[in-house]
């Protein structure tokens, strides 16, 4: 019986500020995704410039930009823009 009460007290004494901080981070993360991920109307996939991979290149030029595509990514609220691969095919 005491272990059930101890478990209940532990659950009630969680740090509410940590939970609030985690919620704020998730809101910020979602805003960044909406800012950088775009939807290509041609290939019907979401895409973004892979900043880390592009940054690691020695000579950064516009043709050397690396793009990441996402197959099953929600497109709701994303900016519609043709990706680099579809532009090159046209």
Protein backbone atom coordinates (compact mmCIF):
# COMPACT_ATOMS: atom_id res chain seq x y z
CA UNK A 1 0.00 0.00 0.00
CA UNK A 2 2.78 2.44 0.81
CA UNK A 3 4.47 1.89 -2.56
CA UNK A 4 1.27 2.98 -4.35
CA UNK A 5 1.12 6.15 -2.27
CA UNK A 6 4.83 6.82 -2.84
CA UNK A 7 4.36 6.43 -6.59
CA UNK A 8 1.44 8.86 -6.49
CA UNK A 9 3.47 11.42 -4.54
CA UNK A 10 6.36 11.10 -7.00
CA UNK A 11 4.02 11.73 -9.92
CA UNK A 12 2.51 14.79 -8.24
CA UNK A 13 5.91 16.25 -7.35
CA UNK A 14 7.20 16.44 -10.91
CA UNK A 15 8.85 19.68 -11.92
CA UNK A 16 6.19 21.79 -13.69
CA UNK A 17 8.73 24.28 -15.04
CA UNK A 18 10.52 21.51 -16.95
CA UNK A 19 7.27 20.47 -18.61
CA UNK A 20 6.57 24.08 -19.54
CA UNK A 21 10.07 24.47 -20.99
CA UNK A 22 9.60 21.31 -23.08
CA UNK A 23 6.29 22.65 -24.42
CA UNK A 24 7.90 25.97 -25.37
CA UNK A 25 10.71 24.13 -27.19
CA UNK A 26 8.18 22.10 -29.18
CA UNK A 27 6.33 25.26 -30.22
CA UNK A 28 9.58 26.87 -31.36
CA UNK A 29 10.64 23.72 -33.21
CA UNK A 30 7.33 23.61 -35.10
CA UNK A 31 7.69 27.25 -36.13
CA UNK A 32 11.19 26.59 -37.49
CA UNK A 33 9.92 23.64 -39.51
CA UNK A 34 7.22 25.82 -41.07
CA UNK A 35 9.85 28.44 -41.86
CA UNK A 36 12.42 26.21 -43.58
CA UNK A 37 10.53 23.20 -45.00
CA UNK A 38 8.81 23.89 -48.31
CA UNK A 39 6.43 21.86 -50.49
CA UNK A 40 7.23 21.12 -54.13
CA UNK A 41 4.12 21.10 -56.32
CA UNK A 42 5.96 19.27 -59.09
CA UNK A 43 7.21 16.16 -57.22
CA UNK A 44 4.66 16.51 -54.39
CA UNK A 45 7.25 16.18 -51.61
CA UNK A 46 8.39 18.43 -48.80
CA UNK A 47 12.00 19.57 -48.96
CA UNK A 48 14.54 21.80 -47.26
CA UNK A 49 18.13 22.87 -47.68
CA UNK A 50 20.31 20.60 -45.54
CA UNK A 51 22.22 23.31 -43.70
CA UNK A 52 24.66 20.98 -41.90
CA UNK A 53 25.70 19.09 -45.02
CA UNK A 54 25.96 22.29 -47.04
CA UNK A 55 27.99 24.02 -44.33
CA UNK A 56 30.55 21.18 -44.31
CA UNK A 57 31.45 21.76 -47.97
CA UNK A 58 34.62 23.72 -48.65
CA UNK A 59 33.51 25.79 -51.64
CA UNK A 60 29.95 26.90 -51.04
CA UNK A 61 28.23 27.88 -54.24
CA UNK A 62 24.58 27.87 -55.23
CA UNK A 63 24.95 24.68 -57.29
CA UNK A 64 26.53 22.81 -54.35
CA UNK A 65 23.59 23.26 -52.00
CA UNK A 66 22.36 19.91 -50.64
CA UNK A 67 18.60 19.39 -50.45
CA UNK A 68 16.77 16.86 -48.26
CA UNK A 69 13.41 15.51 -49.42
CA UNK A 70 10.75 14.07 -47.10
CA UNK A 71 8.30 11.55 -48.52
CA UNK A 72 5.65 11.26 -45.78
CA UNK A 73 5.77 14.77 -44.39
CA UNK A 74 2.66 16.92 -43.87
CA UNK A 75 2.48 19.76 -46.36
CA UNK A 76 -0.20 21.73 -44.56
CA UNK A 77 0.94 25.32 -43.99
CA UNK A 78 4.18 24.93 -45.93
CA UNK A 79 5.31 27.47 -48.51
CA UNK A 80 4.85 26.16 -52.07
CA UNK A 81 8.10 26.31 -54.03
CA UNK A 82 9.61 24.13 -56.77
CA UNK A 83 12.65 22.20 -55.49
CA UNK A 84 16.08 22.33 -57.13
CA UNK A 85 15.80 18.85 -58.67
CA UNK A 86 12.50 19.68 -60.39
CA UNK A 87 13.87 23.00 -61.64
CA UNK A 88 16.85 21.18 -63.19
CA UNK A 89 14.56 18.66 -64.93
CA UNK A 90 12.45 21.39 -66.52
